[in-house]
Amino acid sequence: MTLALSHLSWLEAEAVHILRESVAESSNPVMLFSAGKDSTVLAHLALRAFYPSRPPVPLLHIDSTWEFQSLLDFRDSFARQHGFSLIVHANESGRAAGINPFDYGDRYTMLMRTEPLKEALNKGGYDVIFGGARRDEEKARAKERIISVRSPGHVWNPREQRPEFWRQFNLRLGKGQSARVFPLSNWTEQDIWDYILLHDLSLAPLYFAASRPVVRRGNSFVVVDDAQRMKFQPGDRIENRMVRFRTLGCWPVTGAIDSEAADLQSIAAETLSARLSERQGRISDGEDGGSLEQKKREGYF
């Protein structure tokens, strides 16, 4: 008699299969790690996939130089606690030039995230790059295959994606090609929180509601993580509100939401009842979906 797997167990088994198969077919894999909830779950799945061995992939964090300080602290403690090698790469010339999300818009993303990512991947010579993206996040990501082949220069072309019938994955790469691999493709935001709750995973504190200093930006609140570098607008007034984040990015362009959910159970319940996309907090998106696809074509995560 064959026992059917639960929904979460099936998702976990699929992700573990993808991780093992991809590492087996790769010569130099790496795992992108933002320290957000999705990449944290993905890293935990890697720990389960290769236990009791040390994780066979290093974590790569692209530091935009405008990260939440508490996120950087969590990143470092997570890697140290679980035995991951951690590689951090940033555009140091951009940092010195003062490239920032207030004044540079989409150019900031290109200069401080996309270009340093491609530079780090080229420098490391990685052929298989694991990421925590999910198809339900945004419609450009819904086009992505689990094994997403990138052309030389890390260019993504949705018309050149390979079929994946019956969970058969083709990791054969041509000269100059690499593969972005997304083991969480079939997960939803609710699945992520259910898994975190089931395994009582530790997360970056920004996901939990707390009183934080914020300024209003449209229907969102920007947490003033560094008052010395914050560019205030006329009429801005800092106030303390109970807020948390559903998604995390650079602090000046990531909106917090009003919330009292300060524990995993409350967050899971709040997510289940949410009527808006988690990416509503990405003030930098400013999109109908097209701009994120363009960023991906240029080599973005």
C-alpha atoms as a PDB file:
ATOM      1  CA  MET A   1       0.000   0.000   0.000  1.00  0.00           C
ATOM      2  CA  THR A   2       1.369   3.418  -1.008  1.00  0.00           C
ATOM      3  CA  LEU A   3       0.658   6.305   1.325  1.00  0.00           C
ATOM      4  CA  ALA A   4      -0.042   9.633  -0.368  1.00  0.00           C
ATOM      5  CA  LEU A   5       2.215  12.499   0.646  1.00  0.00           C
ATOM      6  CA  SER A   6       0.701  15.569   2.225  1.00  0.00           C
ATOM      7  CA  HIS A   7       0.769  18.751   0.147  1.00  0.00           C
ATOM      8  CA  LEU A   8       3.778  20.203   2.000  1.00  0.00           C
ATOM      9  CA  SER A   9       5.600  16.857   2.001  1.00  0.00           C
ATOM     10  CA  TRP A  10       5.110  16.601  -1.769  1.00  0.00           C
ATOM     11  CA  LEU A  11       6.475  20.124  -2.289  1.00  0.00           C
ATOM     12  CA  GLU A  12       9.424  19.362  -0.036  1.00  0.00           C
ATOM     13  CA  ALA A  13      10.159  16.091  -1.854  1.00  0.00           C
ATOM     14  CA  GLU A  14      10.038  17.846  -5.230  1.00  0.00           C
ATOM     15  CA  ALA A  15      12.388  20.606  -4.067  1.00  0.00           C
ATOM     16  CA  VAL A  16      14.822  18.098  -2.553  1.00  0.00           C
ATOM     17  CA  HIS A  17      14.777  16.118  -5.821  1.00  0.00           C
ATOM     18  CA  ILE A  18      15.520  19.270  -7.831  1.00  0.00           C
ATOM     19  CA  LEU A  19      18.352  20.272  -5.495  1.00  0.00           C
ATOM     20  CA  ARG A  20      19.991  16.830  -5.617  1.00  0.00           C
ATOM     21  CA  GLU A  21      19.627  16.395  -9.377  1.00  0.00           C
ATOM     22  CA  SER A  22      20.941  19.880 -10.110  1.00  0.00           C
ATOM     23  CA  VAL A  23      23.960  19.540  -7.829  1.00  0.00           C
ATOM     24  CA  ALA A  24      24.716  16.131  -9.357  1.00  0.00           C
ATOM     25  CA  GLU A  25      24.670  17.633 -12.861  1.00  0.00           C
ATOM     26  CA  SER A  26      26.627  20.782 -11.995  1.00  0.00           C
ATOM     27  CA  SER A  27      30.321  21.429 -11.751  1.00  0.00           C
ATOM     28  CA  ASN A  28      30.187  24.596  -9.629  1.00  0.00           C
ATOM     29  CA  PRO A  29      26.800  25.415  -8.048  1.00  0.00           C
ATOM     30  CA  VAL A  30      25.865  28.381  -5.855  1.00  0.00           C
ATOM     31  CA  MET A  31      22.718  29.444  -3.991  1.00  0.00           C
ATOM     32  CA  LEU A  32      21.482  33.034  -4.039  1.00  0.00           C
ATOM     33  CA  PHE A  33      20.630  34.150  -0.517  1.00  0.00           C
ATOM     34  CA  SER A  34      18.834  37.397   0.278  1.00  0.00           C
ATOM     35  CA  ALA A  35      18.050  36.345   3.882  1.00  0.00           C
ATOM     36  CA  GLY A  36      14.348  36.723   3.064  1.00  0.00           C
ATOM     37  CA  LYS A  37      11.770  34.056   3.870  1.00  0.00           C
ATOM     38  CA  ASP A  38      11.951  32.250   0.513  1.00  0.00           C
ATOM     39  CA  SER A  39      15.733  31.975   0.358  1.00  0.00           C
ATOM     40  CA  THR A  40      15.751  30.939   4.028  1.00  0.00           C
ATOM     41  CA  VAL A  41      13.315  28.101   3.292  1.00  0.00           C
ATOM     42  CA  LEU A  42      15.374  27.116   0.245  1.00  0.00           C
ATOM     43  CA  ALA A  43      18.562  26.997   2.328  1.00  0.00           C
ATOM     44  CA  HIS A  44      16.821  24.808   4.914  1.00  0.00           C
ATOM     45  CA  LEU A  45      15.707  22.468   2.127  1.00  0.00           C
ATOM     46  CA  ALA A  46      19.331  22.215   1.007  1.00  0.00           C
ATOM     47  CA  LEU A  47      20.299  21.273   4.547  1.00  0.00           C
ATOM     48  CA  ARG A  48      17.689  18.492   4.500  1.00  0.00           C
ATOM     49  CA  ALA A  49      18.611  17.364   0.971  1.00  0.00           C
ATOM     50  CA  PHE A  50      22.285  16.774   1.771  1.00  0.00           C
ATOM     51  CA  TYR A  51      22.176  15.885   5.460  1.00  0.00           C
ATOM     52  CA  PRO A  52      24.372  14.852   7.240  1.00  0.00           C
ATOM     53  CA  SER A  53      26.958  16.348   4.885  1.00  0.00           C
ATOM     54  CA  ARG A  54      27.853  20.004   4.989  1.00  0.00           C
ATOM     55  CA  PRO A  55      25.833  21.948   2.385  1.00  0.00           C
ATOM     56  CA  PRO A  56      27.664  21.459  -0.950  1.00  0.00           C
ATOM     57  CA  VAL A  57      26.709  24.924  -2.225  1.00  0.00           C
ATOM     58  CA  PRO A  58      27.884  28.289  -0.889  1.00  0.00           C
ATOM     59  CA  LEU A  59      25.439  31.115  -0.249  1.00  0.00           C
ATOM     60  CA  LEU A  60      25.867  34.209  -2.423  1.00  0.00           C
ATOM     61  CA  HIS A  61      24.427  37.499  -1.229  1.00  0.00           C
ATOM     62  CA  ILE A  62      24.399  40.542  -3.489  1.00  0.00           C
ATOM     63  CA  ASP A  63      24.618  43.476  -1.098  1.00  0.00           C
ATOM     64  CA  SER A  64      22.927  46.481  -2.678  1.00  0.00           C
ATOM     65  CA  THR A  65      24.545  48.641   0.082  1.00  0.00           C
ATOM     66  CA  TRP A  66      20.987  49.663   1.086  1.00  0.00           C
ATOM     67  CA  GLU A  67      20.036  46.515   2.968  1.00  0.00           C
ATOM     68  CA  PHE A  68      18.261  46.488   6.329  1.00  0.00           C
ATOM     69  CA  GLN A  69      20.932  46.142   9.018  1.00  0.00           C
ATOM     70  CA  SER A  70      18.935  43.478  10.861  1.00  0.00           C
ATOM     71  CA  LEU A  71      18.762  41.471   7.610  1.00  0.00           C
ATOM     72  CA  LEU A  72      22.553  41.529   7.303  1.00  0.00           C
ATOM     73  CA  ASP A  73      22.861  40.392  10.919  1.00  0.00           C
ATOM     74  CA  PHE A  74      20.453  37.521  10.271  1.00  0.00           C
ATOM     75  CA  ARG A  75      22.323  36.577   7.072  1.00  0.00           C
ATOM     76  CA  ASP A  76      25.630  36.259   8.901  1.00  0.00           C
ATOM     77  CA  SER A  77      24.236  34.338  11.877  1.00  0.00           C
ATOM     78  CA  PHE A  78      22.285  31.948   9.619  1.00  0.00           C
ATOM     79  CA  ALA A  79      25.330  31.021   7.538  1.00  0.00           C
ATOM     80  CA  ARG A  80      27.473  30.588  10.630  1.00  0.00           C
ATOM     81  CA  GLN A  81      24.879  28.500  12.497  1.00  0.00           C
ATOM     82  CA  HIS A  82      24.211  26.089   9.617  1.00  0.00           C
ATOM     83  CA  GLY A  83      27.713  25.678   8.241  1.00  0.00           C
ATOM     84  CA  PHE A  84      27.250  27.454   4.907  1.00  0.00           C
ATOM     85  CA  SER A  85      30.097  29.236   3.194  1.00  0.00           C
ATOM     86  CA  LEU A  86      28.940  32.815   2.623  1.00  0.00           C
ATOM     87  CA  ILE A  87      30.050  34.989  -0.275  1.00  0.00           C
ATOM     88  CA  VAL A  88      29.072  38.656  -0.226  1.00  0.00           C
ATOM     89  CA  HIS A  89      29.511  40.831  -3.296  1.00  0.00           C
ATOM     90  CA  ALA A  90      28.715  44.514  -3.823  1.00  0.00           C
ATOM     91  CA  ASN A  91      29.345  47.224  -6.381  1.00  0.00           C
ATOM     92  CA  GLU A  92      31.959  49.068  -4.372  1.00  0.00           C
ATOM     93  CA  SER A  93      32.491  51.774  -6.988  1.00  0.00           C
ATOM     94  CA  GLY A  94      28.729  52.396  -6.945  1.00  0.00           C
ATOM     95  CA  ARG A  95      28.815  52.615  -3.162  1.00  0.00           C
ATOM     96  CA  ALA A  96      31.649  55.144  -3.338  1.00  0.00           C
ATOM     97  CA  ALA A  97      29.775  57.144  -5.997  1.00  0.00           C
ATOM     98  CA  GLY A  98      26.675  57.308  -3.808  1.00  0.00           C
ATOM     99  CA  ILE A  99      24.355  55.378  -6.150  1.00  0.00           C
ATOM    100  CA  ASN A 100      21.061  55.213  -4.277  1.00  0.00           C
ATOM    101  CA  PRO A 101      17.421  54.184  -4.834  1.00  0.00           C
ATOM    102  CA  PHE A 102      16.098  57.683  -4.145  1.00  0.00           C
ATOM    103  CA  ASP A 103      17.741  59.381  -7.129  1.00  0.00           C
ATOM    104  CA  TYR A 104      18.520  56.622  -9.633  1.00  0.00           C
ATOM    105  CA  GLY A 105      15.303  54.607 -10.010  1.00  0.00           C
ATOM    106  CA  ASP A 106      15.622  51.528 -12.238  1.00  0.00           C
ATOM    107  CA  ARG A 107      19.239  52.441 -12.948  1.00  0.00           C
ATOM    108  CA  TYR A 108      19.966  51.804  -9.279  1.00  0.00           C
ATOM    109  CA  THR A 109      18.660  48.220  -9.599  1.00  0.00           C
ATOM    110  CA  MET A 110      20.808  47.658 -12.668  1.00  0.00           C
ATOM    111  CA  LEU A 111      23.956  49.133 -11.129  1.00  0.00           C
ATOM    112  CA  MET A 112      23.659  47.823  -7.580  1.00  0.00           C
ATOM    113  CA  ARG A 113      21.878  44.478  -8.029  1.00  0.00           C
ATOM    114  CA  THR A 114      21.904  43.154 -11.604  1.00  0.00           C
ATOM    115  CA  GLU A 115      25.459  44.103 -12.613  1.00  0.00           C
ATOM    116  CA  PRO A 116      27.093  42.979  -9.343  1.00  0.00           C
ATOM    117  CA  LEU A 117      25.156  39.692  -9.576  1.00  0.00           C
ATOM    118  CA  LYS A 118      26.479  38.999 -13.068  1.00  0.00           C
ATOM    119  CA  GLU A 119      29.959  40.068 -11.980  1.00  0.00           C
ATOM    120  CA  ALA A 120      29.882  37.708  -8.985  1.00  0.00           C
ATOM    121  CA  LEU A 121      28.624  34.806 -11.104  1.00  0.00           C
ATOM    122  CA  ASN A 122      31.306  35.386 -13.724  1.00  0.00           C
ATOM    123  CA  LYS A 123      34.013  35.719 -11.092  1.00  0.00           C
ATOM    124  CA  GLY A 124      32.948  32.491  -9.395  1.00  0.00           C
ATOM    125  CA  GLY A 125      32.434  30.603 -12.651  1.00  0.00           C
ATOM    126  CA  TYR A 126      29.121  29.160 -11.417  1.00  0.00           C
ATOM    127  CA  ASP A 127      27.121  27.033 -13.823  1.00  0.00           C
ATOM    128  CA  VAL A 128      24.026  26.270 -11.695  1.00  0.00           C
ATOM    129  CA  ILE A 129      22.560  29.110  -9.640  1.00  0.00           C
ATOM    130  CA  PHE A 130      19.771  28.267  -7.196  1.00  0.00           C
ATOM    131  CA  GLY A 131      17.175  30.937  -6.407  1.00  0.00           C
ATOM    132  CA  GLY A 132      14.075  31.142  -4.238  1.00  0.00           C
ATOM    133  CA  ALA A 133      11.661  32.684  -6.754  1.00  0.00           C
ATOM    134  CA  ARG A 134       8.097  31.344  -6.927  1.00  0.00           C
ATOM    135  CA  ARG A 135       5.709  31.448  -9.876  1.00  0.00           C
ATOM    136  CA  ASP A 136       2.854  32.937  -7.847  1.00  0.00           C
ATOM    137  CA  GLU A 137       4.825  36.072  -6.949  1.00  0.00           C
ATOM    138  CA  GLU A 138       4.447  37.942 -10.221  1.00  0.00           C
ATOM    139  CA  LYS A 139       3.385  37.201 -13.791  1.00  0.00           C
ATOM    140  CA  ALA A 140       6.872  37.576 -15.302  1.00  0.00           C
ATOM    141  CA  ARG A 141       8.091  34.913 -12.878  1.00  0.00           C
ATOM    142  CA  ALA A 142       5.200  32.670 -13.863  1.00  0.00           C
ATOM    143  CA  LYS A 143       6.891  32.300 -17.272  1.00  0.00           C
ATOM    144  CA  GLU A 144      10.040  30.904 -15.711  1.00  0.00           C
ATOM    145  CA  ARG A 145      10.827  27.208 -15.898  1.00  0.00           C
ATOM    146  CA  ILE A 146      12.225  25.374 -12.879  1.00  0.00           C
ATOM    147  CA  ILE A 147      15.447  24.995 -14.877  1.00  0.00           C
ATOM    148  CA  SER A 148      15.839  28.389 -16.547  1.00  0.00           C
ATOM    149  CA  VAL A 149      18.669  28.413 -19.051  1.00  0.00           C
ATOM    150  CA  ARG A 150      20.543  31.687 -19.423  1.00  0.00           C
ATOM    151  CA  SER A 151      22.533  32.605 -22.500  1.00  0.00           C
ATOM    152  CA  PRO A 152      26.079  33.995 -22.339  1.00  0.00           C
ATOM    153  CA  GLY A 153      25.915  37.271 -20.449  1.00  0.00           C
ATOM    154  CA  HIS A 154      23.163  35.796 -18.220  1.00  0.00           C
ATOM    155  CA  VAL A 155      20.443  36.860 -20.653  1.00  0.00           C
ATOM    156  CA  TRP A 156      16.985  35.340 -20.145  1.00  0.00           C
ATOM    157  CA  ASN A 157      14.731  34.740 -23.128  1.00  0.00           C
ATOM    158  CA  PRO A 158      11.319  33.232 -22.253  1.00  0.00           C
ATOM    159  CA  ARG A 159      10.964  31.871 -25.812  1.00  0.00           C
ATOM    160  CA  GLU A 160      14.024  29.684 -25.338  1.00  0.00           C
ATOM    161  CA  GLN A 161      12.879  27.883 -22.189  1.00  0.00           C
ATOM    162  CA  ARG A 162      12.912  24.093 -22.308  1.00  0.00           C
ATOM    163  CA  PRO A 163       9.830  21.891 -21.773  1.00  0.00           C
ATOM    164  CA  GLU A 164       9.593  20.123 -18.418  1.00  0.00           C
ATOM    165  CA  PHE A 165       7.149  17.258 -18.907  1.00  0.00           C
ATOM    166  CA  TRP A 166       6.660  14.779 -16.046  1.00  0.00           C
ATOM    167  CA  ARG A 167       9.233  16.647 -13.921  1.00  0.00           C
ATOM    168  CA  GLN A 168      12.068  15.722 -16.265  1.00  0.00           C
ATOM    169  CA  PHE A 169      14.719  18.437 -16.123  1.00  0.00           C
ATOM    170  CA  ASN A 170      17.345  19.143 -18.764  1.00  0.00           C
ATOM    171  CA  LEU A 171      20.522  20.594 -17.227  1.00  0.00           C
ATOM    172  CA  ARG A 172      22.733  20.140 -20.280  1.00  0.00           C
ATOM    173  CA  LEU A 173      24.414  23.476 -20.877  1.00  0.00           C
ATOM    174  CA  GLY A 174      26.191  24.807 -23.932  1.00  0.00           C
ATOM    175  CA  LYS A 175      29.317  26.937 -23.963  1.00  0.00           C
ATOM    176  CA  GLY A 176      28.778  30.114 -21.964  1.00  0.00           C
ATOM    177  CA  GLN A 177      25.345  29.057 -20.738  1.00  0.00           C
ATOM    178  CA  SER A 178      24.275  28.798 -17.117  1.00  0.00           C
ATOM    179  CA  ALA A 179      21.089  27.682 -15.404  1.00  0.00           C
ATOM    180  CA  ARG A 180      19.013  29.465 -12.796  1.00  0.00           C
ATOM    181  CA  VAL A 181      17.239  26.741 -10.830  1.00  0.00           C
ATOM    182  CA  PHE A 182      14.087  27.482  -8.821  1.00  0.00           C
ATOM    183  CA  PRO A 183      13.101  24.566  -6.546  1.00  0.00           C
ATOM    184  CA  LEU A 184      10.285  26.634  -4.984  1.00  0.00           C
ATOM    185  CA  SER A 185       8.570  27.351  -8.294  1.00  0.00           C
ATOM    186  CA  ASN A 186       5.392  25.452  -7.381  1.00  0.00           C
ATOM    187  CA  TRP A 187       5.127  26.857  -3.862  1.00  0.00           C
ATOM    188  CA  THR A 188       2.783  29.689  -2.885  1.00  0.00           C
ATOM    189  CA  GLU A 189       3.288  32.337  -0.233  1.00  0.00           C
ATOM    190  CA  GLN A 190       0.937  30.395   2.030  1.00  0.00           C
ATOM    191  CA  ASP A 191       2.949  27.199   1.447  1.00  0.00           C
ATOM    192  CA  ILE A 192       6.098  29.045   2.524  1.00  0.00           C
ATOM    193  CA  TRP A 193       4.511  30.213   5.769  1.00  0.00           C
ATOM    194  CA  ASP A 194       2.952  26.818   6.458  1.00  0.00           C
ATOM    195  CA  TYR A 195       6.366  25.183   6.022  1.00  0.00           C
ATOM    196  CA  ILE A 196       8.042  27.753   8.260  1.00  0.00           C
ATOM    197  CA  LEU A 197       5.355  27.178  10.875  1.00  0.00           C
ATOM    198  CA  LEU A 198       5.563  23.377  10.616  1.00  0.00           C
ATOM    199  CA  HIS A 199       9.333  23.345  11.134  1.00  0.00           C
ATOM    200  CA  ASP A 200       9.484  26.391  13.427  1.00  0.00           C
ATOM    201  CA  LEU A 201      12.150  28.040  11.269  1.00  0.00           C
ATOM    202  CA  SER A 202      13.927  31.179  12.447  1.00  0.00           C
ATOM    203  CA  LEU A 203      13.448  34.209  10.193  1.00  0.00           C
ATOM    204  CA  ALA A 204      14.699  37.742   9.844  1.00  0.00           C
ATOM    205  CA  PRO A 205      12.918  39.841  12.522  1.00  0.00           C
ATOM    206  CA  LEU A 206      11.470  42.217   9.914  1.00  0.00           C
ATOM    207  CA  TYR A 207       8.730  39.689   9.132  1.00  0.00           C
ATOM    208  CA  PHE A 208       7.320  40.064  12.624  1.00  0.00           C
ATOM    209  CA  ALA A 209       5.227  43.047  13.656  1.00  0.00           C
ATOM    210  CA  ALA A 210       6.978  45.556  15.917  1.00  0.00           C
ATOM    211  CA  SER A 211       6.898  49.270  16.583  1.00  0.00           C
ATOM    212  CA  ARG A 212       9.167  50.838  13.964  1.00  0.00           C
ATOM    213  CA  PRO A 213       9.916  54.411  12.786  1.00  0.00           C
ATOM    214  CA  VAL A 214       8.194  54.962   9.429  1.00  0.00           C
ATOM    215  CA  VAL A 215       7.267  57.628   6.901  1.00  0.00           C
ATOM    216  CA  ARG A 216       4.276  57.251   4.609  1.00  0.00           C
ATOM    217  CA  ARG A 217       4.792  56.610   0.888  1.00  0.00           C
ATOM    218  CA  GLY A 218       1.415  56.338  -0.858  1.00  0.00           C
ATOM    219  CA  ASN A 219      -0.398  53.423   0.743  1.00  0.00           C
ATOM    220  CA  SER A 220       2.804  51.983   2.209  1.00  0.00           C
ATOM    221  CA  PHE A 221       5.190  52.825   5.011  1.00  0.00           C
ATOM    222  CA  VAL A 222       8.955  53.044   4.606  1.00  0.00           C
ATOM    223  CA  VAL A 223      10.883  52.084   7.711  1.00  0.00           C
ATOM    224  CA  VAL A 224      13.642  54.617   8.338  1.00  0.00           C
ATOM    225  CA  ASP A 225      16.448  52.125   8.823  1.00  0.00           C
ATOM    226  CA  ASP A 226      19.204  54.735   8.560  1.00  0.00           C
ATOM    227  CA  ALA A 227      18.113  58.294   9.325  1.00  0.00           C
ATOM    228  CA  GLN A 228      21.487  59.656   8.200  1.00  0.00           C
ATOM    229  CA  ARG A 229      20.999  58.368   4.650  1.00  0.00           C
ATOM    230  CA  MET A 230      17.208  58.744   4.393  1.00  0.00           C
ATOM    231  CA  LYS A 231      16.081  61.354   1.852  1.00  0.00           C
ATOM    232  CA  PHE A 232      12.991  62.935   3.308  1.00  0.00           C
ATOM    233  CA  GLN A 233      10.312  64.603   1.216  1.00  0.00           C
ATOM    234  CA  PRO A 234       8.539  67.841   2.138  1.00  0.00           C
ATOM    235  CA  GLY A 235       5.921  67.104   4.744  1.00  0.00           C
ATOM    236  CA  ASP A 236       7.464  63.819   5.850  1.00  0.00           C
ATOM    237  CA  ARG A 237       6.860  63.028   9.480  1.00  0.00           C
ATOM    238  CA  ILE A 238       8.433  60.085  11.249  1.00  0.00           C
ATOM    239  CA  GLU A 239       5.971  58.138  13.351  1.00  0.00           C
ATOM    240  CA  ASN A 240       6.181  54.856  15.207  1.00  0.00           C
ATOM    241  CA  ARG A 241       3.721  52.221  13.966  1.00  0.00           C
ATOM    242  CA  MET A 242       3.207  48.504  14.460  1.00  0.00           C
ATOM    243  CA  VAL A 243       4.321  47.209  11.065  1.00  0.00           C
ATOM    244  CA  ARG A 244       5.912  44.192   9.453  1.00  0.00           C
ATOM    245  CA  PHE A 245       7.007  43.112   5.970  1.00  0.00           C
ATOM    246  CA  ARG A 246       5.603  40.471   3.616  1.00  0.00           C
ATOM    247  CA  THR A 247       8.509  40.889   1.215  1.00  0.00           C
ATOM    248  CA  LEU A 248      11.972  42.347   1.697  1.00  0.00           C
ATOM    249  CA  GLY A 249      14.228  44.413  -0.525  1.00  0.00           C
ATOM    250  CA  CYS A 250      16.256  47.592  -0.153  1.00  0.00           C
ATOM    251  CA  TRP A 251      14.839  49.493   2.805  1.00  0.00           C
ATOM    252  CA  PRO A 252      14.099  52.834   1.053  1.00  0.00           C
ATOM    253  CA  VAL A 253      11.877  51.138  -1.568  1.00  0.00           C
ATOM    254  CA  THR A 254      10.197  48.354   0.387  1.00  0.00           C
ATOM    255  CA  GLY A 255       6.884  49.154   2.016  1.00  0.00           C
ATOM    256  CA  ALA A 256       5.816  47.784   5.382  1.00  0.00           C
ATOM    257  CA  ILE A 257       2.217  46.969   6.246  1.00  0.00           C
ATOM    258  CA  ASP A 258       0.191  47.708   9.373  1.00  0.00           C
ATOM    259  CA  SER A 259       0.074  44.524  11.399  1.00  0.00           C
ATOM    260  CA  GLU A 260      -0.166  43.101  14.899  1.00  0.00           C
ATOM    261  CA  ALA A 261       1.132  39.673  13.776  1.00  0.00           C
ATOM    262  CA  ALA A 262       4.165  39.112  15.955  1.00  0.00           C
ATOM    263  CA  ASP A 263       4.403  35.293  15.849  1.00  0.00           C
ATOM    264  CA  LEU A 264       4.388  32.626  13.141  1.00  0.00           C
ATOM    265  CA  GLN A 265       0.810  31.491  13.757  1.00  0.00           C
ATOM    266  CA  SER A 266      -0.526  35.045  13.456  1.00  0.00           C
ATOM    267  CA  ILE A 267       1.484  35.706  10.298  1.00  0.00           C
ATOM    268  CA  ALA A 268       0.231  32.507   8.634  1.00  0.00           C
ATOM    269  CA  ALA A 269      -3.376  33.419   9.492  1.00  0.00           C
ATOM    270  CA  GLU A 270      -2.927  36.986   8.244  1.00  0.00           C
ATOM    271  CA  THR A 271      -1.399  35.736   4.972  1.00  0.00           C
ATOM    272  CA  LEU A 272      -4.291  33.363   4.394  1.00  0.00           C
ATOM    273  CA  SER A 273      -6.792  36.236   4.668  1.00  0.00           C
ATOM    274  CA  ALA A 274      -4.750  38.761   2.624  1.00  0.00           C
ATOM    275  CA  ARG A 275      -6.429  40.095  -0.518  1.00  0.00           C
ATOM    276  CA  LEU A 276      -3.433  41.903  -1.999  1.00  0.00           C
ATOM    277  CA  SER A 277      -0.222  40.541  -3.529  1.00  0.00           C
ATOM    278  CA  GLU A 278       2.844  40.308  -1.334  1.00  0.00           C
ATOM    279  CA  ARG A 279       4.696  42.405  -3.926  1.00  0.00           C
ATOM    280  CA  GLN A 280       2.496  45.374  -3.121  1.00  0.00           C
ATOM    281  CA  GLY A 281       5.336  46.247  -0.763  1.00  0.00           C
ATOM    282  CA  ARG A 282       7.870  46.515  -3.586  1.00  0.00           C
ATOM    283  CA  ILE A 283       7.618  50.250  -4.168  1.00  0.00           C
ATOM    284  CA  SER A 284      10.480  49.862  -6.629  1.00  0.00           C
ATOM    285  CA  ASP A 285       8.419  47.621  -8.897  1.00  0.00           C
ATOM    286  CA  GLY A 286       6.056  50.388  -9.931  1.00  0.00           C
ATOM    287  CA  GLU A 287       4.934  48.013 -12.587  1.00  0.00           C
ATOM    288  CA  ASP A 288       2.243  46.167 -14.387  1.00  0.00           C
ATOM    289  CA  GLY A 289       4.669  43.278 -14.553  1.00  0.00           C
ATOM    290  CA  GLY A 290       6.651  44.442 -17.567  1.00  0.00           C
ATOM    291  CA  SER A 291       9.527  46.141 -15.796  1.00  0.00           C
ATOM    292  CA  LEU A 292      10.365  43.064 -13.746  1.00  0.00           C
ATOM    293  CA  GLU A 293      10.438  40.977 -16.928  1.00  0.00           C
ATOM    294  CA  GLN A 294      12.817  43.484 -18.495  1.00  0.00           C
ATOM    295  CA  LYS A 295      15.066  43.296 -15.433  1.00  0.00           C
ATOM    296  CA  LYS A 296      15.069  39.503 -15.701  1.00  0.00           C
ATOM    297  CA  ARG A 297      16.000  39.670 -19.376  1.00  0.00           C
ATOM    298  CA  GLU A 298      18.969  41.813 -18.362  1.00  0.00           C
ATOM    299  CA  GLY A 299      20.155  39.241 -15.825  1.00  0.00           C
ATOM    300  CA  TYR A 300      18.220  40.124 -12.666  1.00  0.00           C
ATOM    301  CA  PHE A 301      17.520  37.421 -10.054  1.00  0.00           C
END
